[in-house]
């Protein structure tokens, strides 16, 4: 048996070398895989994209979405939670994901050359994922002319025209429709080389489910704007796909989700999530946090906006006159909290106010100490015992073996919101979207905490608290505050999922976040986009200037709404944070 296992390991390594041997080259050079088989692009693109999005979450989204607070008062002038966005932070997604978008373009061209429709479909899903993350961060960006350097040997022109976000989303809808149609074709190839796809093991069925679930995200993202601007129908300007009714298509997707059949197979369980593997045994597969010291890791503290949603707290005023919220739960290490996810994310149970000036941060941290002189403020969990059992750490947030690119629970929240808004008639009744909300919260807990089940007392009790506690505008869940309830719980559930919670806040105004703290800059407006990178005015001068003088009104600012966020409903709800 040992001999067979050893032979299989050697064979797997040989196949990996033959089919997917350009991983290191690809991570450095966006043009390195032009002659590789199309399927060999899949894992490198997924791995590098996920690594980038994880870094962006911990470095940016965690502060913008008020999950966490930066405790280093020495850099308070550049604290993202105070809306002071460093130049390098603005570049992160652009430099990371455009490289992978170029690889996805090259993958598609190679799949065309191979006459492999199913790999073409996977490439279209990857392109859709990448370009939506880019445009959701910056707004109007290069699209039609982007990524061409990797497929044009004679092209050496870095100047690319910017496309409107609306046109980009039209193209994304067409790409996802095409991907689904290509994957629906009958054939004798249910999978491609599993070594090239460490997410789904080469399963085309899994890729189709992910692509259609991403489609649901895309439709919900643009729904409010398309309904306000175009009556709910988006003219795609495409001969094959014509136009799409966002509510009609969401209804069709929901029907397929319920039946487990139909033209648009969806994710059906946690097993269908795109889980990207990382390893502490191979340097090329380390997490982006692998070398972060505990001192730097601990500079992110739990924000009391989050602790108030996950735990029972009481309002207090400390000796410095700062209002804060103290948890009333047990401080015993490893004890379950009201929300069974809390121990997966934070090691201590007290939150910290955000948008404090530097001197108040210093005073707050110096004051809120245990009798032994240790901070009582929550810090992100990290590390797992190498032996049996765990030491007060339910989850290894810093160096987990897998991280989700999209959670299954997100799909449930999307359909719950569609029901509340009346977009999907079959989910529009209070009982139906309430049940979807319960399922979504339960699934989110199970996605994070491996030591509970749907029937565990702490899970049942917390889900009951979500429904019966006075968590939303000071009252229990009802038809008037159901939208706030769904989106607030979705905000919790999209913890560590790239920029998703920031997108939902800009799109809807939920959760209700205070944006007028003492240190808040940017005119008390939570940033609505990231600035274009600092080298764009020099490398792409003409088209950069067109974009800035056009939709941005003359300045590369962080106050202009991207297309899908510019609705009256969103503006009015976000305004509540400044009152």
Protein backbone atom coordinates (compact mmCIF):
# COMPACT_ATOMS: atom_id res chain seq x y z
CA UNK A 1 0.00 0.00 0.00
CA UNK A 2 2.82 2.42 0.85
CA UNK A 3 4.44 1.66 -2.50
CA UNK A 4 1.20 2.42 -4.36
CA UNK A 5 0.70 5.66 -2.44
CA UNK A 6 4.26 6.70 -3.19
CA UNK A 7 3.81 5.92 -6.90
CA UNK A 8 0.56 7.91 -7.01
CA UNK A 9 2.25 10.88 -5.37
CA UNK A 10 5.09 10.76 -7.94
CA UNK A 11 2.58 10.45 -10.80
CA UNK A 12 0.57 13.42 -9.51
CA UNK A 13 3.73 15.50 -9.26
CA UNK A 14 4.70 14.55 -12.81
CA UNK A 15 1.28 15.51 -14.15
CA UNK A 16 1.42 18.80 -12.28
CA UNK A 17 4.82 19.51 -13.80
CA UNK A 18 3.56 18.79 -17.30
CA UNK A 19 0.22 20.58 -17.15
CA UNK A 20 0.52 23.34 -14.56
CA UNK A 21 4.23 23.98 -14.26
CA UNK A 22 4.18 27.74 -14.81
CA UNK A 23 2.72 28.81 -11.45
CA UNK A 24 5.74 30.84 -10.30
CA UNK A 25 6.24 32.40 -13.71
CA UNK A 26 2.62 33.39 -13.88
CA UNK A 27 2.67 35.08 -10.51
CA UNK A 28 5.42 37.37 -11.80
CA UNK A 29 4.70 37.72 -15.51
CA UNK A 30 1.23 38.21 -16.98
CA UNK A 31 2.37 36.93 -20.37
CA UNK A 32 4.14 33.77 -19.22
CA UNK A 33 1.46 31.20 -20.04
CA UNK A 34 0.64 32.04 -23.63
CA UNK A 35 1.66 28.61 -24.90
CA UNK A 36 0.37 26.56 -21.97
CA UNK A 37 -2.83 24.47 -22.16
CA UNK A 38 -5.86 26.62 -21.35
CA UNK A 39 -6.85 24.53 -18.33
CA UNK A 40 -3.46 25.15 -16.70
CA UNK A 41 -4.39 28.79 -16.08
CA UNK A 42 -7.24 27.99 -13.70
CA UNK A 43 -5.57 27.43 -10.35
CA UNK A 44 -2.92 30.15 -10.70
CA UNK A 45 -5.62 32.71 -11.51
CA UNK A 46 -7.87 31.57 -8.68
CA UNK A 47 -5.03 31.42 -6.16
CA UNK A 48 -3.57 34.84 -6.95
CA UNK A 49 -7.00 36.46 -7.16
CA UNK A 50 -8.05 35.06 -3.81
CA UNK A 51 -4.76 36.04 -2.20
CA UNK A 52 -5.25 39.61 -3.43
CA UNK A 53 -8.86 39.82 -2.24
CA UNK A 54 -7.95 38.44 1.19
CA UNK A 55 -5.24 41.08 1.55
CA UNK A 56 -7.65 43.80 0.45
CA UNK A 57 -10.21 42.65 3.01
CA UNK A 58 -7.82 42.70 5.94
CA UNK A 59 -6.09 45.90 4.84
CA UNK A 60 -9.09 47.91 3.65
CA UNK A 61 -12.59 46.39 3.77
CA UNK A 62 -12.30 45.43 7.43
CA UNK A 63 -12.01 49.15 8.27
CA UNK A 64 -14.37 50.65 5.68
CA UNK A 65 -17.14 48.19 6.63
CA UNK A 66 -16.51 48.73 10.36
CA UNK A 67 -15.68 45.16 11.25
CA UNK A 68 -12.41 46.29 12.77
CA UNK A 69 -10.45 49.32 13.98
CA UNK A 70 -6.78 50.19 13.50
CA UNK A 71 -5.14 50.45 16.94
CA UNK A 72 -1.86 52.02 15.81
CA UNK A 73 -2.45 55.65 16.75
CA UNK A 74 0.96 56.66 15.35
CA UNK A 75 -0.45 56.34 11.84
CA UNK A 76 -3.84 57.85 12.62
CA UNK A 77 -3.40 60.38 9.84
CA UNK A 78 -3.52 57.49 7.37
CA UNK A 79 -6.15 55.35 9.05
CA UNK A 80 -8.46 53.89 6.42
CA UNK A 81 -11.36 53.76 8.89
CA UNK A 82 -11.09 57.55 9.09
CA UNK A 83 -11.33 57.69 5.28
CA UNK A 84 -7.72 58.65 4.72
CA UNK A 85 -6.83 56.26 1.91
CA UNK A 86 -3.08 55.79 1.29
CA UNK A 87 -1.96 55.87 -2.32
CA UNK A 88 -0.70 52.28 -2.23
CA UNK A 89 -4.04 51.04 -0.93
CA UNK A 90 -5.81 52.55 -3.93
CA UNK A 91 -3.51 50.58 -6.23
CA UNK A 92 -3.95 47.15 -4.62
CA UNK A 93 -6.86 45.72 -6.60
CA UNK A 94 -5.85 47.40 -9.85
CA UNK A 95 -2.30 46.02 -9.89
CA UNK A 96 -3.29 42.61 -8.57
CA UNK A 97 -6.42 41.81 -10.55
CA UNK A 98 -5.62 43.36 -13.92
CA UNK A 99 -2.64 41.02 -14.12
CA UNK A 100 -4.98 38.07 -13.57
CA UNK A 101 -7.54 39.51 -15.99
CA UNK A 102 -4.83 39.47 -18.67
CA UNK A 103 -4.18 35.82 -17.85
CA UNK A 104 -7.90 35.05 -18.10
CA UNK A 105 -7.95 36.71 -21.53
CA UNK A 106 -5.00 34.57 -22.63
CA UNK A 107 -6.72 31.49 -21.21
CA UNK A 108 -9.82 32.24 -23.27
CA UNK A 109 -7.81 32.71 -26.47
CA UNK A 110 -5.98 29.44 -25.85
CA UNK A 111 -9.29 27.65 -25.25
CA UNK A 112 -10.55 29.03 -28.57
CA UNK A 113 -7.43 27.70 -30.28
CA UNK A 114 -8.02 24.32 -28.64
CA UNK A 115 -11.71 24.41 -29.65
CA UNK A 116 -12.60 23.66 -26.03
CA UNK A 117 -15.97 25.28 -25.33
CA UNK A 118 -16.12 24.24 -21.69
CA UNK A 119 -12.75 25.76 -20.83
CA UNK A 120 -13.87 28.87 -22.72
CA UNK A 121 -16.82 28.98 -20.31
CA UNK A 122 -14.55 28.73 -17.26
CA UNK A 123 -12.43 31.55 -18.68
CA UNK A 124 -15.55 33.69 -19.14
CA UNK A 125 -16.55 33.10 -15.52
CA UNK A 126 -13.06 34.10 -14.37
CA UNK A 127 -13.13 37.22 -16.56
CA UNK A 128 -16.54 38.16 -15.16
CA UNK A 129 -15.37 37.73 -11.58
CA UNK A 130 -12.22 39.76 -12.11
CA UNK A 131 -13.67 42.65 -14.09
CA UNK A 132 -16.59 43.12 -11.69
CA UNK A 133 -14.19 43.32 -8.74
CA UNK A 134 -12.19 45.93 -10.63
CA UNK A 135 -15.10 48.09 -11.76
CA UNK A 136 -16.82 47.79 -8.38
CA UNK A 137 -13.69 49.26 -6.81
CA UNK A 138 -12.98 52.11 -9.24
CA UNK A 139 -16.05 52.71 -11.41
CA UNK A 140 -15.36 53.31 -15.11
CA UNK A 141 -12.22 51.37 -16.06
CA UNK A 142 -10.48 49.91 -19.12
CA UNK A 143 -12.35 46.81 -20.27
CA UNK A 144 -12.76 46.30 -24.01
CA UNK A 145 -9.08 47.07 -24.60
CA UNK A 146 -7.83 45.58 -21.31
CA UNK A 147 -5.78 42.41 -21.07
CA UNK A 148 -4.76 42.44 -24.72
CA UNK A 149 -1.01 42.61 -24.12
CA UNK A 150 -1.07 38.96 -23.13
CA UNK A 151 -2.52 37.86 -26.47
CA UNK A 152 -0.99 40.32 -28.96
CA UNK A 153 2.67 39.67 -29.58
CA UNK A 154 3.19 42.90 -31.49
CA UNK A 155 1.11 45.08 -29.19
CA UNK A 156 3.20 47.18 -26.81
CA UNK A 157 0.77 49.92 -25.91
CA UNK A 158 -0.24 50.45 -22.31
CA UNK A 159 -2.82 53.11 -23.11
CA UNK A 160 -6.37 51.79 -22.95
CA UNK A 161 -9.70 53.51 -23.22
CA UNK A 162 -11.98 53.53 -20.18
CA UNK A 163 -15.43 51.94 -20.49
CA UNK A 164 -18.52 52.92 -18.52
CA UNK A 165 -19.50 50.65 -15.67
CA UNK A 166 -22.92 50.15 -17.19
CA UNK A 167 -21.38 48.88 -20.44
CA UNK A 168 -19.05 46.61 -18.47
CA UNK A 169 -21.97 45.05 -16.63
CA UNK A 170 -23.83 44.53 -19.89
CA UNK A 171 -20.82 42.59 -21.16
CA UNK A 172 -20.58 40.60 -17.92
CA UNK A 173 -24.22 39.50 -18.23
CA UNK A 174 -23.49 38.32 -21.77
CA UNK A 175 -20.34 36.50 -20.66
CA UNK A 176 -22.15 34.67 -17.86
CA UNK A 177 -25.05 33.75 -20.12
CA UNK A 178 -22.59 32.43 -22.70
CA UNK A 179 -20.66 30.48 -20.06
CA UNK A 180 -23.83 28.81 -18.82
CA UNK A 181 -24.87 27.91 -22.37
CA UNK A 182 -21.45 26.45 -23.20
CA UNK A 183 -21.40 24.38 -20.02
CA UNK A 184 -24.91 23.10 -20.78
CA UNK A 185 -23.74 21.34 -23.94
CA UNK A 186 -23.87 17.58 -23.84
CA UNK A 187 -20.62 15.69 -24.15
CA UNK A 188 -18.32 13.05 -22.75
CA UNK A 189 -15.99 15.36 -20.82
CA UNK A 190 -17.53 15.98 -17.37
CA UNK A 191 -14.25 17.27 -16.00
CA UNK A 192 -10.81 18.58 -16.94
CA UNK A 193 -7.47 17.85 -15.27
CA UNK A 194 -8.09 18.07 -11.52
CA UNK A 195 -4.46 18.99 -10.88
CA UNK A 196 -5.05 22.27 -12.73
CA UNK A 197 -8.11 23.11 -10.64
CA UNK A 198 -7.57 22.84 -6.91
CA UNK A 199 -10.89 24.57 -6.26
CA UNK A 200 -13.36 22.24 -7.99
CA UNK A 201 -11.16 19.35 -9.08
CA UNK A 202 -11.92 20.11 -12.72
CA UNK A 203 -15.69 19.65 -12.33
CA UNK A 204 -17.56 21.55 -15.05
CA UNK A 205 -20.78 21.08 -13.10
CA UNK A 206 -19.30 22.90 -10.10
CA UNK A 207 -18.02 25.71 -12.32
CA UNK A 208 -21.44 26.09 -13.88
CA UNK A 209 -23.04 26.37 -10.43
CA UNK A 210 -20.47 28.95 -9.35
CA UNK A 211 -20.94 30.97 -12.55
CA UNK A 212 -24.71 31.11 -12.13
CA UNK A 213 -24.39 32.02 -8.45
CA UNK A 214 -22.04 34.81 -9.49
CA UNK A 215 -24.73 35.81 -12.00
CA UNK A 216 -27.21 36.19 -9.13
CA UNK A 217 -24.72 38.50 -7.36
CA UNK A 218 -24.28 40.54 -10.55
CA UNK A 219 -28.03 40.92 -11.10
CA UNK A 220 -28.64 41.99 -7.50
CA UNK A 221 -25.73 44.44 -7.70
CA UNK A 222 -27.26 46.32 -10.63
CA UNK A 223 -30.96 45.75 -9.87
CA UNK A 224 -31.76 48.98 -8.01
CA UNK A 225 -30.05 51.13 -10.62
CA UNK A 226 -31.55 49.34 -13.63
CA UNK A 227 -35.03 49.56 -12.11
CA UNK A 228 -34.61 53.27 -11.33
CA UNK A 229 -32.97 54.12 -14.65
CA UNK A 230 -34.40 51.68 -17.21
CA UNK A 231 -37.54 50.25 -15.64
CA UNK A 232 -35.79 47.01 -14.74
CA UNK A 233 -34.77 45.94 -18.26
CA UNK A 234 -31.14 46.19 -19.32
CA UNK A 235 -30.58 46.42 -23.06
CA UNK A 236 -27.44 44.38 -23.58
CA UNK A 237 -26.78 45.59 -27.12
CA UNK A 238 -25.98 42.01 -28.06
CA UNK A 239 -27.49 40.11 -30.99
CA UNK A 240 -27.49 36.79 -29.15
CA UNK A 241 -28.78 37.84 -25.72
CA UNK A 242 -30.81 40.96 -26.54
CA UNK A 243 -31.94 42.34 -23.18
CA UNK A 244 -32.46 41.06 -19.66
CA UNK A 245 -35.11 41.81 -17.04
CA UNK A 246 -33.20 41.80 -13.76
CA UNK A 247 -36.24 40.74 -11.73
CA UNK A 248 -37.32 38.17 -14.31
CA UNK A 249 -33.86 36.62 -14.44
CA UNK A 250 -33.53 36.61 -10.64
CA UNK A 251 -36.89 34.83 -10.48
CA UNK A 252 -35.67 32.24 -12.98
CA UNK A 253 -32.48 31.69 -11.01
CA UNK A 254 -34.46 31.29 -7.79
CA UNK A 255 -36.75 28.74 -9.43
CA UNK A 256 -33.71 26.73 -10.53
CA UNK A 257 -32.26 27.03 -7.04
CA UNK A 258 -35.43 25.69 -5.43
CA UNK A 259 -35.88 22.82 -7.85
CA UNK A 260 -32.25 21.86 -8.18
CA UNK A 261 -32.89 21.67 -11.91
CA UNK A 262 -33.62 23.98 -14.83
CA UNK A 263 -31.45 25.96 -17.20
CA UNK A 264 -29.36 27.67 -14.53
CA UNK A 265 -27.96 25.20 -11.95
CA UNK A 266 -27.00 27.06 -8.77
CA UNK A 267 -24.87 26.31 -5.73
CA UNK A 268 -26.93 23.93 -3.62
CA UNK A 269 -24.82 23.54 -0.48
CA UNK A 270 -21.59 24.53 1.23
CA UNK A 271 -19.88 21.83 -0.85
CA UNK A 272 -20.40 23.95 -3.97
CA UNK A 273 -18.51 26.98 -2.65
CA UNK A 274 -15.30 28.02 -4.44
CA UNK A 275 -12.82 27.18 -1.66
CA UNK A 276 -9.24 28.12 -2.55
CA UNK A 277 -6.55 25.99 -0.89
CA UNK A 278 -3.46 27.42 0.81
CA UNK A 279 -0.59 25.55 2.42
CA UNK A 280 2.02 26.30 5.07
CA UNK A 281 4.22 23.55 3.59
CA UNK A 282 4.86 25.19 0.21
CA UNK A 283 6.12 28.75 -0.06
CA UNK A 284 4.28 29.38 -3.33
CA UNK A 285 0.99 28.49 -1.62
CA UNK A 286 1.35 30.47 1.61
CA UNK A 287 -1.44 32.81 2.61
CA UNK A 288 -0.70 36.53 2.22
CA UNK A 289 -0.59 36.66 6.03
CA UNK A 290 1.91 33.86 6.54
CA UNK A 291 4.83 36.09 7.55
CA UNK A 292 2.85 38.74 9.43
CA UNK A 293 4.10 39.01 13.00
CA UNK A 294 1.69 38.79 15.91
CA UNK A 295 2.37 42.45 16.68
CA UNK A 296 1.21 43.56 13.24
CA UNK A 297 -1.64 41.07 13.17
CA UNK A 298 -2.93 42.45 16.48
CA UNK A 299 -3.13 46.03 15.19
CA UNK A 300 -6.65 45.17 13.97
CA UNK A 301 -9.13 45.28 16.85
CA UNK A 302 -12.79 44.28 16.85
CA UNK A 303 -15.06 47.24 16.11
CA UNK A 304 -17.96 47.71 18.51
CA UNK A 305 -20.28 48.07 15.51
CA UNK A 306 -19.70 44.36 14.95
CA UNK A 307 -19.69 43.24 18.59
CA UNK A 308 -23.05 44.93 19.16
CA UNK A 309 -24.55 42.76 16.40
CA UNK A 310 -22.94 39.52 17.50
CA UNK A 311 -23.00 39.82 21.30
CA UNK A 312 -25.12 41.26 24.10
CA UNK A 313 -23.59 44.59 25.07
CA UNK A 314 -24.36 47.54 27.29
CA UNK A 315 -23.54 51.17 26.60
CA UNK A 316 -21.01 52.76 28.93
CA UNK A 317 -18.93 55.91 29.18
CA UNK A 318 -15.31 55.52 30.29
CA UNK A 319 -13.29 57.84 32.50
CA UNK A 320 -12.15 59.78 29.43
CA UNK A 321 -15.73 60.48 28.37
CA UNK A 322 -15.65 58.05 25.43
CA UNK A 323 -18.85 56.09 24.81
CA UNK A 324 -18.26 52.41 24.22
CA UNK A 325 -20.14 49.12 24.39
CA UNK A 326 -19.11 46.44 26.84
CA UNK A 327 -20.01 42.80 26.32
CA UNK A 328 -21.92 41.22 29.20
CA UNK A 329 -20.85 37.70 28.22
CA UNK A 330 -18.35 35.44 29.93
CA UNK A 331 -14.68 36.22 29.29
CA UNK A 332 -13.65 32.58 29.74
CA UNK A 333 -11.18 31.63 27.01
CA UNK A 334 -12.77 29.43 24.38
CA UNK A 335 -16.34 29.86 25.66
CA UNK A 336 -19.00 30.06 22.96
CA UNK A 337 -20.49 33.49 22.43
CA UNK A 338 -24.01 34.36 21.37
CA UNK A 339 -22.97 34.31 17.72
CA UNK A 340 -21.04 31.06 17.18
CA UNK A 341 -18.94 32.78 14.52
CA UNK A 342 -17.46 35.28 16.95
CA UNK A 343 -14.80 32.92 18.31
CA UNK A 344 -13.78 32.16 14.73
CA UNK A 345 -12.92 35.81 14.13
CA UNK A 346 -11.97 37.46 17.44
CA UNK A 347 -10.10 36.28 20.54
CA UNK A 348 -11.64 38.68 23.09
CA UNK A 349 -15.18 39.95 23.35
CA UNK A 350 -15.00 43.72 23.82
CA UNK A 351 -15.23 46.03 20.84
CA UNK A 352 -13.60 49.39 20.21
CA UNK A 353 -15.23 52.56 18.83
CA UNK A 354 -14.06 53.70 15.42
CA UNK A 355 -13.15 57.11 14.02
CA UNK A 356 -11.48 58.26 17.24
CA UNK A 357 -8.68 60.81 17.09
CA UNK A 358 -5.18 59.46 17.79
CA UNK A 359 -4.93 60.67 21.41
CA UNK A 360 -8.28 59.08 22.25
CA UNK A 361 -7.16 55.78 20.71
CA UNK A 362 -4.09 55.80 22.96
CA UNK A 363 -6.15 56.62 26.05
CA UNK A 364 -8.80 54.04 25.23
CA UNK A 365 -6.29 51.23 24.82
CA UNK A 366 -4.42 52.25 27.98
CA UNK A 367 -7.66 52.31 29.99
CA UNK A 368 -9.37 49.13 28.85
CA UNK A 369 -7.13 46.57 30.45
CA UNK A 370 -7.69 43.48 32.57
CA UNK A 371 -6.52 43.28 36.17
CA UNK A 372 -3.38 41.62 34.85
CA UNK A 373 -2.70 44.59 32.58
CA UNK A 374 -3.69 42.93 29.30
CA UNK A 375 -5.98 44.52 26.72
CA UNK A 376 -9.59 43.35 26.85
CA UNK A 377 -10.25 44.47 23.26
CA UNK A 378 -10.81 41.72 20.69
CA UNK A 379 -8.08 40.90 18.18
CA UNK A 380 -8.29 38.70 15.07
CA UNK A 381 -7.70 35.02 15.81
CA UNK A 382 -4.64 33.27 14.48
CA UNK A 383 -2.92 29.93 14.84
CA UNK A 384 -4.09 26.45 15.72
CA UNK A 385 -2.57 23.91 18.05
CA UNK A 386 -0.43 21.41 16.20
CA UNK A 387 -1.59 18.69 18.60
CA UNK A 388 -5.08 17.57 19.51
CA UNK A 389 -7.66 20.12 20.52
CA UNK A 390 -7.50 23.90 20.33
CA UNK A 391 -6.58 26.61 22.80
CA UNK A 392 -9.44 29.07 22.70
CA UNK A 393 -9.14 29.40 18.93
CA UNK A 394 -11.91 27.88 16.88
CA UNK A 395 -10.51 28.90 13.51
CA UNK A 396 -7.09 29.74 12.09
CA UNK A 397 -7.98 33.02 10.41
CA UNK A 398 -4.38 33.93 9.60
CA UNK A 399 -3.26 30.67 7.96
CA UNK A 400 -6.28 28.50 7.23
CA UNK A 401 -5.92 25.69 4.65
CA UNK A 402 -8.90 27.02 2.63
CA UNK A 403 -10.60 30.38 2.14
CA UNK A 404 -13.92 30.96 0.34
CA UNK A 405 -14.08 33.24 -2.68
CA UNK A 406 -17.88 33.25 -2.38
CA UNK A 407 -19.97 31.74 0.39
CA UNK A 408 -23.04 29.58 -0.23
CA UNK A 409 -24.88 31.67 2.37
CA UNK A 410 -24.46 34.73 0.13
CA UNK A 411 -26.79 33.14 -2.40
CA UNK A 412 -29.46 32.65 0.28
CA UNK A 413 -29.11 36.29 1.35
CA UNK A 414 -29.45 37.42 -2.28
CA UNK A 415 -32.73 35.55 -2.67
CA UNK A 416 -33.94 36.76 0.73
CA UNK A 417 -33.33 40.36 -0.35
CA UNK A 418 -35.02 39.69 -3.69
CA UNK A 419 -38.04 38.44 -1.75
CA UNK A 420 -38.16 41.44 0.58
CA UNK A 421 -37.95 43.84 -2.37
CA UNK A 422 -40.61 41.93 -4.30
CA UNK A 423 -38.25 41.17 -7.16
CA UNK A 424 -39.00 37.45 -6.85
CA UNK A 425 -42.72 36.92 -6.27
CA UNK A 426 -42.34 33.35 -5.05
CA UNK A 427 -40.09 34.61 -2.24
CA UNK A 428 -41.98 37.82 -1.49
CA UNK A 429 -44.08 36.60 1.45
CA UNK A 430 -42.82 37.43 4.95
CA UNK A 431 -42.68 33.77 5.92
CA UNK A 432 -40.68 32.84 2.84
CA UNK A 433 -37.97 35.46 3.07
CA UNK A 434 -37.87 35.01 6.84
CA UNK A 435 -37.12 31.34 6.27
CA UNK A 436 -34.45 32.25 3.72
CA UNK A 437 -32.90 34.61 6.26
CA UNK A 438 -32.83 31.89 8.92
CA UNK A 439 -31.27 29.45 6.49
CA UNK A 440 -28.70 32.03 5.42
CA UNK A 441 -27.61 32.86 8.97
CA UNK A 442 -27.44 29.17 9.88
CA UNK A 443 -25.37 28.35 6.79
CA UNK A 444 -23.02 31.25 7.50
CA UNK A 445 -22.39 29.92 11.01
CA UNK A 446 -21.70 26.43 9.68
CA UNK A 447 -19.38 27.83 7.02
CA UNK A 448 -17.13 29.14 9.77
CA UNK A 449 -17.58 27.01 12.86
CA UNK A 450 -16.80 23.30 12.42
CA UNK A 451 -17.79 22.42 15.99
CA UNK A 452 -21.54 23.09 15.73
CA UNK A 453 -24.47 21.83 13.68
CA UNK A 454 -27.73 23.42 12.59
CA UNK A 455 -29.35 21.76 15.62
CA UNK A 456 -26.77 22.92 18.18
CA UNK A 457 -28.30 24.97 20.98
CA UNK A 458 -26.02 27.95 20.35
CA UNK A 459 -26.93 28.02 16.65
CA UNK A 460 -30.67 27.72 17.25
CA UNK A 461 -30.52 30.36 19.98
CA UNK A 462 -28.56 32.85 17.90
CA UNK A 463 -30.82 32.44 14.87
CA UNK A 464 -33.77 33.01 17.20
CA UNK A 465 -32.05 36.12 18.51
CA UNK A 466 -31.67 37.41 14.94
CA UNK A 467 -35.43 37.09 14.45
CA UNK A 468 -36.69 38.06 17.90
CA UNK A 469 -34.08 40.43 19.31
CA UNK A 470 -34.50 44.18 18.90
CA UNK A 471 -31.62 44.46 16.48
CA UNK A 472 -33.05 46.49 13.61
CA UNK A 473 -34.03 50.11 14.11
CA UNK A 474 -34.82 49.30 17.72
CA UNK A 475 -37.43 46.60 17.09
CA UNK A 476 -37.75 42.92 16.32
CA UNK A 477 -37.77 41.74 12.73
CA UNK A 478 -40.92 42.67 10.81
CA UNK A 479 -41.92 43.49 7.25
CA UNK A 480 -40.91 47.14 7.72
CA UNK A 481 -37.34 46.46 8.76
CA UNK A 482 -36.80 43.14 6.98
CA UNK A 483 -34.52 44.71 4.36
CA UNK A 484 -32.27 46.12 7.09
CA UNK A 485 -32.29 42.74 8.85
CA UNK A 486 -31.32 40.77 5.75
CA UNK A 487 -28.56 43.15 4.70
CA UNK A 488 -27.17 43.56 8.21
CA UNK A 489 -26.90 39.80 8.59
CA UNK A 490 -25.43 39.55 5.09
CA UNK A 491 -22.81 42.10 6.18
CA UNK A 492 -21.78 39.76 8.97
CA UNK A 493 -21.81 36.75 6.66
CA UNK A 494 -19.54 38.37 4.06
CA UNK A 495 -16.75 38.82 6.60
CA UNK A 496 -13.43 38.10 4.84
CA UNK A 497 -15.05 38.03 1.36
CA UNK A 498 -13.02 40.66 -0.48
CA UNK A 499 -14.96 43.90 -1.04
CA UNK A 500 -18.46 42.39 -0.94
CA UNK A 501 -19.74 44.11 2.20
CA UNK A 502 -18.38 47.47 1.02
CA UNK A 503 -20.25 46.96 -2.26
CA UNK A 504 -23.50 46.14 -0.45
CA UNK A 505 -23.18 49.23 1.76
CA UNK A 506 -22.69 51.51 -1.24
CA UNK A 507 -25.51 49.79 -3.11
CA UNK A 508 -28.09 49.82 -0.28
CA UNK A 509 -26.88 51.91 2.66
CA UNK A 510 -26.98 48.87 4.97
CA UNK A 511 -25.86 48.12 7.54
CA UNK A 512 -26.47 51.54 9.06
CA UNK A 513 -22.95 52.79 9.77
CA UNK A 514 -21.97 55.96 11.57
CA UNK A 515 -19.69 57.97 9.31
CA UNK A 516 -19.36 61.23 11.28
CA UNK A 517 -16.98 60.24 14.09
CA UNK A 518 -14.52 62.80 15.50
CA UNK A 519 -11.68 61.72 13.20
CA UNK A 520 -13.75 60.95 10.08
CA UNK A 521 -12.52 62.71 6.97
CA UNK A 522 -13.79 62.83 3.38
CA UNK A 523 -16.66 65.12 4.44
CA UNK A 524 -18.02 62.27 6.58
CA UNK A 525 -18.70 60.20 3.45
CA UNK A 526 -17.65 56.58 3.60
CA UNK A 527 -15.54 56.23 0.41
CA UNK A 528 -17.67 55.39 -2.59
CA UNK A 529 -14.76 54.21 -4.77
CA UNK A 530 -10.98 53.97 -4.76
CA UNK A 531 -8.87 56.47 -6.66
CA UNK A 532 -7.32 55.40 -9.92
CA UNK A 533 -3.66 54.38 -9.38
CA UNK A 534 -1.09 57.14 -9.17
CA UNK A 535 0.72 56.14 -12.38
CA UNK A 536 -2.38 56.25 -14.59
CA UNK A 537 -2.04 60.00 -15.31
CA UNK A 538 1.40 59.26 -16.80
CA UNK A 539 1.01 55.84 -18.41
CA UNK A 540 -2.49 56.39 -19.78
CA UNK A 541 -2.71 60.16 -19.82
CA UNK A 542 -5.35 60.81 -22.50
CA UNK A 543 -7.90 58.24 -21.42
CA UNK A 544 -7.29 58.85 -17.72
CA UNK A 545 -8.06 62.52 -18.23
CA UNK A 546 -11.21 61.65 -20.18
CA UNK A 547 -12.46 59.58 -17.26
CA UNK A 548 -11.58 62.13 -14.59
CA UNK A 549 -13.04 65.07 -16.47
CA UNK A 550 -16.08 63.00 -17.46
CA UNK A 551 -17.96 60.86 -14.94
CA UNK A 552 -15.79 62.00 -12.01
CA UNK A 553 -16.44 65.67 -12.59
CA UNK A 554 -12.82 66.79 -12.71
CA UNK A 555 -11.03 65.06 -9.82
CA UNK A 556 -9.92 61.53 -9.01
CA UNK A 557 -12.02 61.63 -5.84
CA UNK A 558 -13.46 59.02 -3.46
CA UNK A 559 -16.89 60.66 -3.15
CA UNK A 560 -18.44 59.97 -6.56
CA UNK A 561 -20.82 57.03 -6.64
CA UNK A 562 -20.14 54.25 -9.10
CA UNK A 563 -22.99 53.70 -11.57
CA UNK A 564 -24.91 50.97 -9.71
CA UNK A 565 -24.68 52.80 -6.36
CA UNK A 566 -26.07 56.10 -7.66
CA UNK A 567 -29.71 55.61 -6.64
CA UNK A 568 -31.90 57.80 -4.50
CA UNK A 569 -32.71 54.95 -2.11
CA UNK A 570 -29.05 54.22 -1.48
CA UNK A 571 -28.18 57.88 -0.98
CA UNK A 572 -31.02 58.44 1.48
CA UNK A 573 -30.12 55.39 3.55
CA UNK A 574 -26.40 56.18 3.67
CA UNK A 575 -27.26 59.71 4.75
CA UNK A 576 -28.65 58.28 8.01
CA UNK A 577 -25.06 57.55 9.09
CA UNK A 578 -24.29 61.27 9.16
CA UNK A 579 -27.27 62.22 11.33
